[in-house]
């Protein structure tokens, strides 16, 4: 997934540079071009610096823990329901 994110960021930056170049030749550089460039560079740096295999592993482990926790609530609910059935309670 990281190569795809890097490729999209780089292609977006190249496309913005081309559009800005064409507009500059017509003396009409859009005011938001600089903001867009900053956003694209920030995303590119995020992909280069923050999105690493170790970071993805941390998030994946947290997701796996959340799934196990959710599954345990189903097991607890089933145990409580069985206990109510045995004791004759309604609820």
PDB file of N, CA and C in Angstrom:
ATOM      1  N   UNK A   1       0.810  -1.182   0.000  1.00  0.00           N
ATOM      2  CA  UNK A   1       0.000   0.000   0.000  1.00  0.00           C
ATOM      3  C   UNK A   1       0.868   1.267   0.000  1.00  0.00           C
ATOM      4  N   UNK A   2       2.012   1.180   0.626  1.00  0.00           N
ATOM      5  CA  UNK A   2       2.887   2.353   0.681  1.00  0.00           C
ATOM      6  C   UNK A   2       3.331   2.802  -0.714  1.00  0.00           C
ATOM      7  N   UNK A   3       3.728   1.889  -1.606  1.00  0.00           N
ATOM      8  CA  UNK A   3       4.107   2.342  -2.952  1.00  0.00           C
ATOM      9  C   UNK A   3       2.967   3.053  -3.679  1.00  0.00           C
ATOM     10  N   UNK A   4       1.741   2.608  -3.447  1.00  0.00           N
ATOM     11  CA  UNK A   4       0.589   3.245  -4.089  1.00  0.00           C
ATOM     12  C   UNK A   4       0.412   4.667  -3.543  1.00  0.00           C
ATOM     13  N   UNK A   5       0.510   4.830  -2.242  1.00  0.00           N
ATOM     14  CA  UNK A   5       0.392   6.153  -1.649  1.00  0.00           C
ATOM     15  C   UNK A   5       1.483   7.099  -2.121  1.00  0.00           C
ATOM     16  N   UNK A   6       2.703   6.580  -2.189  1.00  0.00           N
ATOM     17  CA  UNK A   6       3.815   7.411  -2.683  1.00  0.00           C
ATOM     18  C   UNK A   6       3.599   7.795  -4.138  1.00  0.00           C
ATOM     19  N   UNK A   7       3.169   6.837  -4.943  1.00  0.00           N
ATOM     20  CA  UNK A   7       2.949   7.107  -6.367  1.00  0.00           C
ATOM     21  C   UNK A   7       1.852   8.153  -6.560  1.00  0.00           C
ATOM     22  N   UNK A   8       0.754   8.022  -5.823  1.00  0.00           N
ATOM     23  CA  UNK A   8      -0.332   8.992  -5.945  1.00  0.00           C
ATOM     24  C   UNK A   8       0.135  10.383  -5.522  1.00  0.00           C
ATOM     25  N   UNK A   9       0.894  10.464  -4.440  1.00  0.00           N
ATOM     26  CA  UNK A   9       1.389  11.762  -3.978  1.00  0.00           C
ATOM     27  C   UNK A   9       2.321  12.402  -5.002  1.00  0.00           C
ATOM     28  N   UNK A  10       3.220  11.612  -5.547  1.00  0.00           N
ATOM     29  CA  UNK A  10       4.173  12.146  -6.528  1.00  0.00           C
ATOM     30  C   UNK A  10       3.456  12.561  -7.810  1.00  0.00           C
ATOM     31  N   UNK A  11       2.525  11.724  -8.280  1.00  0.00           N
ATOM     32  CA  UNK A  11       1.776  12.072  -9.493  1.00  0.00           C
ATOM     33  C   UNK A  11       0.914  13.319  -9.273  1.00  0.00           C
ATOM     34  N   UNK A  12       0.357  13.457  -8.094  1.00  0.00           N
ATOM     35  CA  UNK A  12      -0.434  14.654  -7.784  1.00  0.00           C
ATOM     36  C   UNK A  12       0.437  15.901  -7.795  1.00  0.00           C
ATOM     37  N   UNK A  13       1.624  15.790  -7.245  1.00  0.00           N
ATOM     38  CA  UNK A  13       2.542  16.925  -7.222  1.00  0.00           C
ATOM     39  C   UNK A  13       2.973  17.305  -8.642  1.00  0.00           C
ATOM     40  N   UNK A  14       3.242  16.299  -9.473  1.00  0.00           N
ATOM     41  CA  UNK A  14       3.619  16.555 -10.870  1.00  0.00           C
ATOM     42  C   UNK A  14       2.457  17.203 -11.622  1.00  0.00           C
ATOM     43  N   UNK A  15       1.243  16.673 -11.418  1.00  0.00           N
ATOM     44  CA  UNK A  15       0.069  17.249 -12.090  1.00  0.00           C
ATOM     45  C   UNK A  15      -0.145  18.690 -11.662  1.00  0.00           C
ATOM     46  N   UNK A  16      -0.001  18.962 -10.370  1.00  0.00           N
ATOM     47  CA  UNK A  16      -0.152  20.343  -9.885  1.00  0.00           C
ATOM     48  C   UNK A  16       0.913  21.249 -10.489  1.00  0.00           C
ATOM     49  N   UNK A  17       2.134  20.750 -10.580  1.00  0.00           N
ATOM     50  CA  UNK A  17       3.208  21.552 -11.180  1.00  0.00           C
ATOM     51  C   UNK A  17       2.902  21.867 -12.640  1.00  0.00           C
ATOM     52  N   UNK A  18       2.378  20.896 -13.373  1.00  0.00           N
ATOM     53  CA  UNK A  18       2.032  21.139 -14.780  1.00  0.00           C
ATOM     54  C   UNK A  18       0.902  22.151 -14.917  1.00  0.00           C
ATOM     55  N   UNK A  19      -0.128  22.000 -14.098  1.00  0.00           N
ATOM     56  CA  UNK A  19      -1.251  22.949 -14.155  1.00  0.00           C
ATOM     57  C   UNK A  19      -0.769  24.346 -13.777  1.00  0.00           C
ATOM     58  N   UNK A  20       0.041  24.443 -12.759  1.00  0.00           N
ATOM     59  CA  UNK A  20       0.551  25.744 -12.330  1.00  0.00           C
ATOM     60  C   UNK A  20       1.422  26.362 -13.418  1.00  0.00           C
ATOM     61  N   UNK A  21       2.229  25.554 -14.077  1.00  0.00           N
ATOM     62  CA  UNK A  21       3.092  26.039 -15.155  1.00  0.00           C
ATOM     63  C   UNK A  21       2.257  26.570 -16.319  1.00  0.00           C
ATOM     64  N   UNK A  22       1.215  25.820 -16.689  1.00  0.00           N
ATOM     65  CA  UNK A  22       0.348  26.254 -17.786  1.00  0.00           C
ATOM     66  C   UNK A  22      -0.367  27.548 -17.404  1.00  0.00           C
ATOM     67  N   UNK A  23      -0.873  27.617 -16.191  1.00  0.00           N
ATOM     68  CA  UNK A  23      -1.571  28.816 -15.741  1.00  0.00           C
ATOM     69  C   UNK A  23      -0.611  30.002 -15.618  1.00  0.00           C
ATOM     70  N   UNK A  24       0.618  29.745 -15.217  1.00  0.00           N
ATOM     71  CA  UNK A  24       1.596  30.826 -15.068  1.00  0.00           C
ATOM     72  C   UNK A  24       1.926  31.448 -16.423  1.00  0.00           C
ATOM     73  N   UNK A  25       1.915  30.633 -17.450  1.00  0.00           N
ATOM     74  CA  UNK A  25       2.174  31.168 -18.789  1.00  0.00           C
ATOM     75  C   UNK A  25       1.048  32.092 -19.235  1.00  0.00           C
ATOM     76  N   UNK A  26      -0.139  31.888 -18.660  1.00  0.00           N
ATOM     77  CA  UNK A  26      -1.270  32.755 -18.995  1.00  0.00           C
ATOM     78  C   UNK A  26      -1.443  33.855 -17.938  1.00  0.00           C
ATOM     79  N   UNK A  27      -0.477  33.997 -17.066  1.00  0.00           N
ATOM     80  CA  UNK A  27      -0.515  34.995 -15.985  1.00  0.00           C
ATOM     81  C   UNK A  27      -1.750  34.851 -15.103  1.00  0.00           C
ATOM     82  N   UNK A  28      -2.108  33.620 -14.820  1.00  0.00           N
ATOM     83  CA  UNK A  28      -3.306  33.403 -13.993  1.00  0.00           C
ATOM     84  C   UNK A  28      -3.091  32.229 -13.039  1.00  0.00           C
ATOM     85  N   UNK A  29      -2.074  32.314 -12.230  1.00  0.00           N
ATOM     86  CA  UNK A  29      -1.801  31.237 -11.278  1.00  0.00           C
ATOM     87  C   UNK A  29      -2.879  31.269 -10.197  1.00  0.00           C
ATOM     88  N   UNK A  30      -3.593  30.151 -10.012  1.00  0.00           N
ATOM     89  CA  UNK A  30      -4.640  30.143  -8.980  1.00  0.00           C
ATOM     90  C   UNK A  30      -4.037  30.308  -7.588  1.00  0.00           C
ATOM     91  N   UNK A  31      -4.754  31.037  -6.722  1.00  0.00           N
ATOM     92  CA  UNK A  31      -4.253  31.319  -5.384  1.00  0.00           C
ATOM     93  C   UNK A  31      -4.122  30.070  -4.533  1.00  0.00           C
ATOM     94  N   UNK A  32      -4.929  29.053  -4.837  1.00  0.00           N
ATOM     95  CA  UNK A  32      -4.910  27.848  -4.010  1.00  0.00           C
ATOM     96  C   UNK A  32      -3.831  26.849  -4.426  1.00  0.00           C
ATOM     97  N   UNK A  33      -3.076  27.162  -5.457  1.00  0.00           N
ATOM     98  CA  UNK A  33      -2.031  26.241  -5.917  1.00  0.00           C
ATOM     99  C   UNK A  33      -0.970  26.027  -4.845  1.00  0.00           C
ATOM    100  N   UNK A  34      -0.591  27.084  -4.152  1.00  0.00           N
ATOM    101  CA  UNK A  34       0.415  26.944  -3.091  1.00  0.00           C
ATOM    102  C   UNK A  34      -0.105  26.095  -1.940  1.00  0.00           C
ATOM    103  N   UNK A  35      -1.351  26.330  -1.551  1.00  0.00           N
ATOM    104  CA  UNK A  35      -1.934  25.523  -0.473  1.00  0.00           C
ATOM    105  C   UNK A  35      -2.025  24.053  -0.864  1.00  0.00           C
ATOM    106  N   UNK A  36      -2.406  23.814  -2.108  1.00  0.00           N
ATOM    107  CA  UNK A  36      -2.495  22.432  -2.591  1.00  0.00           C
ATOM    108  C   UNK A  36      -1.117  21.780  -2.599  1.00  0.00           C
ATOM    109  N   UNK A  37      -0.123  22.511  -3.035  1.00  0.00           N
ATOM    110  CA  UNK A  37       1.241  21.971  -3.051  1.00  0.00           C
ATOM    111  C   UNK A  37       1.710  21.632  -1.642  1.00  0.00           C
ATOM    112  N   UNK A  38       1.410  22.502  -0.687  1.00  0.00           N
ATOM    113  CA  UNK A  38       1.794  22.236   0.709  1.00  0.00           C
ATOM    114  C   UNK A  38       1.105  20.973   1.216  1.00  0.00           C
ATOM    115  N   UNK A  39      -0.179  20.829   0.904  1.00  0.00           N
ATOM    116  CA  UNK A  39      -0.920  19.639   1.349  1.00  0.00           C
ATOM    117  C   UNK A  39      -0.354  18.368   0.726  1.00  0.00           C
ATOM    118  N   UNK A  40      -0.045  18.419  -0.554  1.00  0.00           N
ATOM    119  CA  UNK A  40       0.504  17.239  -1.235  1.00  0.00           C
ATOM    120  C   UNK A  40       1.870  16.882  -0.665  1.00  0.00           C
ATOM    121  N   UNK A  41       2.713  17.879  -0.449  1.00  0.00           N
ATOM    122  CA  UNK A  41       4.040  17.618   0.129  1.00  0.00           C
ATOM    123  C   UNK A  41       3.900  17.056   1.543  1.00  0.00           C
ATOM    124  N   UNK A  42       2.943  17.562   2.311  1.00  0.00           N
ATOM    125  CA  UNK A  42       2.720  17.027   3.661  1.00  0.00           C
ATOM    126  C   UNK A  42       2.302  15.558   3.602  1.00  0.00           C
ATOM    127  N   UNK A  43       1.418  15.227   2.678  1.00  0.00           N
ATOM    128  CA  UNK A  43       1.011  13.823   2.528  1.00  0.00           C
ATOM    129  C   UNK A  43       2.174  12.945   2.062  1.00  0.00           C
ATOM    130  N   UNK A  44       2.968  13.470   1.152  1.00  0.00           N
ATOM    131  CA  UNK A  44       4.136  12.723   0.685  1.00  0.00           C
ATOM    132  C   UNK A  44       5.110  12.469   1.825  1.00  0.00           C
ATOM    133  N   UNK A  45       5.353  13.488   2.629  1.00  0.00           N
ATOM    134  CA  UNK A  45       6.246  13.308   3.781  1.00  0.00           C
ATOM    135  C   UNK A  45       5.658  12.333   4.799  1.00  0.00           C
ATOM    136  N   UNK A  46       4.342  12.356   4.951  1.00  0.00           N
ATOM    137  CA  UNK A  46       3.697  11.395   5.846  1.00  0.00           C
ATOM    138  C   UNK A  46       3.941   9.976   5.363  1.00  0.00           C
ATOM    139  N   UNK A  47       3.772   9.758   4.064  1.00  0.00           N
ATOM    140  CA  UNK A  47       4.025   8.420   3.517  1.00  0.00           C
ATOM    141  C   UNK A  47       5.489   8.022   3.678  1.00  0.00           C
ATOM    142  N   UNK A  48       6.394   8.981   3.531  1.00  0.00           N
ATOM    143  CA  UNK A  48       7.817   8.655   3.627  1.00  0.00           C
ATOM    144  C   UNK A  48       8.287   8.440   5.062  1.00  0.00           C
ATOM    145  N   UNK A  49       7.766   9.243   6.002  1.00  0.00           N
ATOM    146  CA  UNK A  49       8.292   9.238   7.363  1.00  0.00           C
ATOM    147  C   UNK A  49       7.428   8.421   8.326  1.00  0.00           C
ATOM    148  N   UNK A  50       6.131   8.617   8.287  1.00  0.00           N
ATOM    149  CA  UNK A  50       5.256   8.041   9.316  1.00  0.00           C
ATOM    150  C   UNK A  50       4.769   6.632   8.982  1.00  0.00           C
ATOM    151  N   UNK A  51       4.398   6.398   7.742  1.00  0.00           N
ATOM    152  CA  UNK A  51       3.840   5.098   7.366  1.00  0.00           C
ATOM    153  C   UNK A  51       4.996   4.129   7.133  1.00  0.00           C
ATOM    154  N   UNK A  52       5.306   3.364   8.173  1.00  0.00           N
ATOM    155  CA  UNK A  52       6.388   2.381   8.109  1.00  0.00           C
ATOM    156  C   UNK A  52       5.835   1.011   8.494  1.00  0.00           C
ATOM    157  N   UNK A  53       6.554  -0.050   8.182  1.00  0.00           N
ATOM    158  CA  UNK A  53       6.075  -1.377   8.574  1.00  0.00           C
ATOM    159  C   UNK A  53       5.839  -1.514  10.077  1.00  0.00           C
ATOM    160  N   UNK A  54       6.679  -0.902  10.897  1.00  0.00           N
ATOM    161  CA  UNK A  54       6.482  -1.014  12.346  1.00  0.00           C
ATOM    162  C   UNK A  54       5.222  -0.262  12.786  1.00  0.00           C
ATOM    163  N   UNK A  55       4.929   0.884  12.174  1.00  0.00           N
ATOM    164  CA  UNK A  55       3.712   1.627  12.506  1.00  0.00           C
ATOM    165  C   UNK A  55       2.469   0.846  12.094  1.00  0.00           C
ATOM    166  N   UNK A  56       2.526   0.231  10.929  1.00  0.00           N
ATOM    167  CA  UNK A  56       1.396  -0.570  10.465  1.00  0.00           C
ATOM    168  C   UNK A  56       1.186  -1.763  11.391  1.00  0.00           C
ATOM    169  N   UNK A  57       2.267  -2.364  11.882  1.00  0.00           N
ATOM    170  CA  UNK A  57       2.147  -3.497  12.796  1.00  0.00           C
ATOM    171  C   UNK A  57       1.468  -3.083  14.098  1.00  0.00           C
ATOM    172  N   UNK A  58       1.810  -1.911  14.612  1.00  0.00           N
ATOM    173  CA  UNK A  58       1.183  -1.422  15.847  1.00  0.00           C
ATOM    174  C   UNK A  58      -0.327  -1.278  15.645  1.00  0.00           C
ATOM    175  N   UNK A  59      -0.723  -0.672  14.537  1.00  0.00           N
ATOM    176  CA  UNK A  59      -2.149  -0.476  14.260  1.00  0.00           C
ATOM    177  C   UNK A  59      -2.846  -1.810  14.031  1.00  0.00           C
ATOM    178  N   UNK A  60      -2.197  -2.726  13.317  1.00  0.00           N
ATOM    179  CA  UNK A  60      -2.793  -4.041  13.069  1.00  0.00           C
ATOM    180  C   UNK A  60      -2.956  -4.821  14.371  1.00  0.00           C
ATOM    181  N   UNK A  61      -1.982  -4.743  15.255  1.00  0.00           N
ATOM    182  CA  UNK A  61      -2.099  -5.420  16.550  1.00  0.00           C
ATOM    183  C   UNK A  61      -3.246  -4.841  17.375  1.00  0.00           C
ATOM    184  N   UNK A  62      -3.406  -3.532  17.334  1.00  0.00           N
ATOM    185  CA  UNK A  62      -4.506  -2.900  18.066  1.00  0.00           C
ATOM    186  C   UNK A  62      -5.850  -3.332  17.489  1.00  0.00           C
ATOM    187  N   UNK A  63      -5.924  -3.458  16.184  1.00  0.00           N
ATOM    188  CA  UNK A  63      -7.160  -3.908  15.537  1.00  0.00           C
ATOM    189  C   UNK A  63      -7.459  -5.354  15.916  1.00  0.00           C
ATOM    190  N   UNK A  64      -6.436  -6.199  15.928  1.00  0.00           N
ATOM    191  CA  UNK A  64      -6.628  -7.604  16.311  1.00  0.00           C
ATOM    192  C   UNK A  64      -7.089  -7.699  17.766  1.00  0.00           C
ATOM    193  N   UNK A  65      -6.530  -6.859  18.636  1.00  0.00           N
ATOM    194  CA  UNK A  65      -6.950  -6.848  20.032  1.00  0.00           C
ATOM    195  C   UNK A  65      -8.414  -6.430  20.140  1.00  0.00           C
ATOM    196  N   UNK A  66      -8.809  -5.421  19.377  1.00  0.00           N
ATOM    197  CA  UNK A  66     -10.202  -4.964  19.408  1.00  0.00           C
ATOM    198  C   UNK A  66     -11.143  -6.067  18.949  1.00  0.00           C
ATOM    199  N   UNK A  67     -10.749  -6.818  17.936  1.00  0.00           N
ATOM    200  CA  UNK A  67     -11.584  -7.929  17.476  1.00  0.00           C
ATOM    201  C   UNK A  67     -11.717  -9.005  18.546  1.00  0.00           C
ATOM    202  N   UNK A  68     -10.606  -9.324  19.215  1.00  0.00           N
ATOM    203  CA  UNK A  68     -10.660 -10.328  20.288  1.00  0.00           C
ATOM    204  C   UNK A  68     -11.543  -9.843  21.435  1.00  0.00           C
ATOM    205  N   UNK A  69     -11.447  -8.570  21.772  1.00  0.00           N
ATOM    206  CA  UNK A  69     -12.264  -7.998  22.837  1.00  0.00           C
ATOM    207  C   UNK A  69     -13.745  -8.054  22.466  1.00  0.00           C
ATOM    208  N   UNK A  70     -14.070  -7.734  21.243  1.00  0.00           N
ATOM    209  CA  UNK A  70     -15.449  -7.786  20.788  1.00  0.00           C
ATOM    210  C   UNK A  70     -15.974  -9.222  20.804  1.00  0.00           C
ATOM    211  N   UNK A  71     -15.151 -10.159  20.379  1.00  0.00           N
ATOM    212  CA  UNK A  71     -15.559 -11.568  20.401  1.00  0.00           C
ATOM    213  C   UNK A  71     -15.794 -12.043  21.835  1.00  0.00           C
ATOM    214  N   UNK A  72     -15.002 -11.562  22.773  1.00  0.00           N
ATOM    215  CA  UNK A  72     -15.175 -11.982  24.165  1.00  0.00           C
ATOM    216  C   UNK A  72     -16.503 -11.485  24.727  1.00  0.00           C
ATOM    217  N   UNK A  73     -16.983 -10.333  24.268  1.00  0.00           N
ATOM    218  CA  UNK A  73     -18.287  -9.864  24.745  1.00  0.00           C
ATOM    219  C   UNK A  73     -19.404 -10.768  24.248  1.00  0.00           C
ATOM    220  N   UNK A  74     -19.258 -11.310  23.054  1.00  0.00           N
ATOM    221  CA  UNK A  74     -20.239 -12.272  22.557  1.00  0.00           C
ATOM    222  C   UNK A  74     -20.230 -13.535  23.412  1.00  0.00           C
ATOM    223  N   UNK A  75     -19.043 -13.974  23.792  1.00  0.00           N
ATOM    224  CA  UNK A  75     -18.941 -15.163  24.637  1.00  0.00           C
ATOM    225  C   UNK A  75     -19.550 -14.903  26.010  1.00  0.00           C
ATOM    226  N   UNK A  76     -19.294 -13.718  26.570  1.00  0.00           N
ATOM    227  CA  UNK A  76     -19.867 -13.378  27.872  1.00  0.00           C
ATOM    228  C   UNK A  76     -21.388 -13.303  27.801  1.00  0.00           C
ATOM    229  N   UNK A  77     -21.906 -12.734  26.732  1.00  0.00           N
ATOM    230  CA  UNK A  77     -23.349 -12.633  26.573  1.00  0.00           C
ATOM    231  C   UNK A  77     -23.974 -14.021  26.468  1.00  0.00           C
ATOM    232  N   UNK A  78     -23.299 -14.913  25.737  1.00  0.00           N
ATOM    233  CA  UNK A  78     -23.795 -16.292  25.626  1.00  0.00           C
ATOM    234  C   UNK A  78     -23.768 -17.001  26.961  1.00  0.00           C
ATOM    235  N   UNK A  79     -22.741 -16.790  27.769  1.00  0.00           N
ATOM    236  CA  UNK A  79     -22.635 -17.431  29.086  1.00  0.00           C
ATOM    237  C   UNK A  79     -23.710 -16.887  30.020  1.00  0.00           C
ATOM    238  N   UNK A  80     -23.970 -15.594  29.976  1.00  0.00           N
ATOM    239  CA  UNK A  80     -25.013 -15.016  30.833  1.00  0.00           C
ATOM    240  C   UNK A  80     -26.386 -15.523  30.424  1.00  0.00           C
ATOM    241  N   UNK A  81     -26.616 -15.665  29.134  1.00  0.00           N
ATOM    242  CA  UNK A  81     -27.896 -16.165  28.658  1.00  0.00           C
ATOM    243  C   UNK A  81     -28.102 -17.615  29.102  1.00  0.00           C
ATOM    244  N   UNK A  82     -27.047 -18.424  29.029  1.00  0.00           N
ATOM    245  CA  UNK A  82     -27.145 -19.819  29.455  1.00  0.00           C
ATOM    246  C   UNK A  82     -27.384 -19.896  30.958  1.00  0.00           C
ATOM    247  N   UNK A  83     -26.742 -19.019  31.709  1.00  0.00           N
ATOM    248  CA  UNK A  83     -26.923 -19.010  33.155  1.00  0.00           C
ATOM    249  C   UNK A  83     -28.370 -18.638  33.511  1.00  0.00           C
ATOM    250  N   UNK A  84     -28.933 -17.654  32.788  1.00  0.00           N
ATOM    251  CA  UNK A  84     -30.334 -17.266  33.030  1.00  0.00           C
ATOM    252  C   UNK A  84     -31.274 -18.415  32.698  1.00  0.00           C
ATOM    253  N   UNK A  85     -30.968 -19.124  31.613  1.00  0.00           N
ATOM    254  CA  UNK A  85     -31.815 -20.263  31.226  1.00  0.00           C
ATOM    255  C   UNK A  85     -31.802 -21.343  32.303  1.00  0.00           C
ATOM    256  N   UNK A  86     -30.635 -21.587  32.882  1.00  0.00           N
ATOM    257  CA  UNK A  86     -30.523 -22.616  33.907  1.00  0.00           C
ATOM    258  C   UNK A  86     -31.240 -22.206  35.199  1.00  0.00           C
ATOM    259  N   UNK A  87     -31.204 -20.913  35.517  1.00  0.00           N
ATOM    260  CA  UNK A  87     -31.806 -20.480  36.774  1.00  0.00           C
ATOM    261  C   UNK A  87     -33.296 -20.168  36.603  1.00  0.00           C
ATOM    262  N   UNK A  88     -33.763 -20.096  35.359  1.00  0.00           N
ATOM    263  CA  UNK A  88     -35.170 -19.836  35.115  1.00  0.00           C
ATOM    264  C   UNK A  88     -35.517 -18.370  35.108  1.00  0.00           C
ATOM    265  N   UNK A  89     -34.530 -17.485  35.112  1.00  0.00           N
ATOM    266  CA  UNK A  89     -34.791 -16.045  35.076  1.00  0.00           C
ATOM    267  C   UNK A  89     -35.202 -15.633  33.683  1.00  0.00           C
ATOM    268  N   UNK A  90     -35.938 -14.556  33.621  1.00  0.00           N
ATOM    269  CA  UNK A  90     -36.297 -13.978  32.325  1.00  0.00           C
ATOM    270  C   UNK A  90     -35.552 -12.659  32.189  1.00  0.00           C
ATOM    271  N   UNK A  91     -35.128 -12.333  30.984  1.00  0.00           N
ATOM    272  CA  UNK A  91     -34.433 -11.065  30.858  1.00  0.00           C
ATOM    273  C   UNK A  91     -33.757 -10.980  29.607  1.00  0.00           C
TER     274      UNK A  91
END
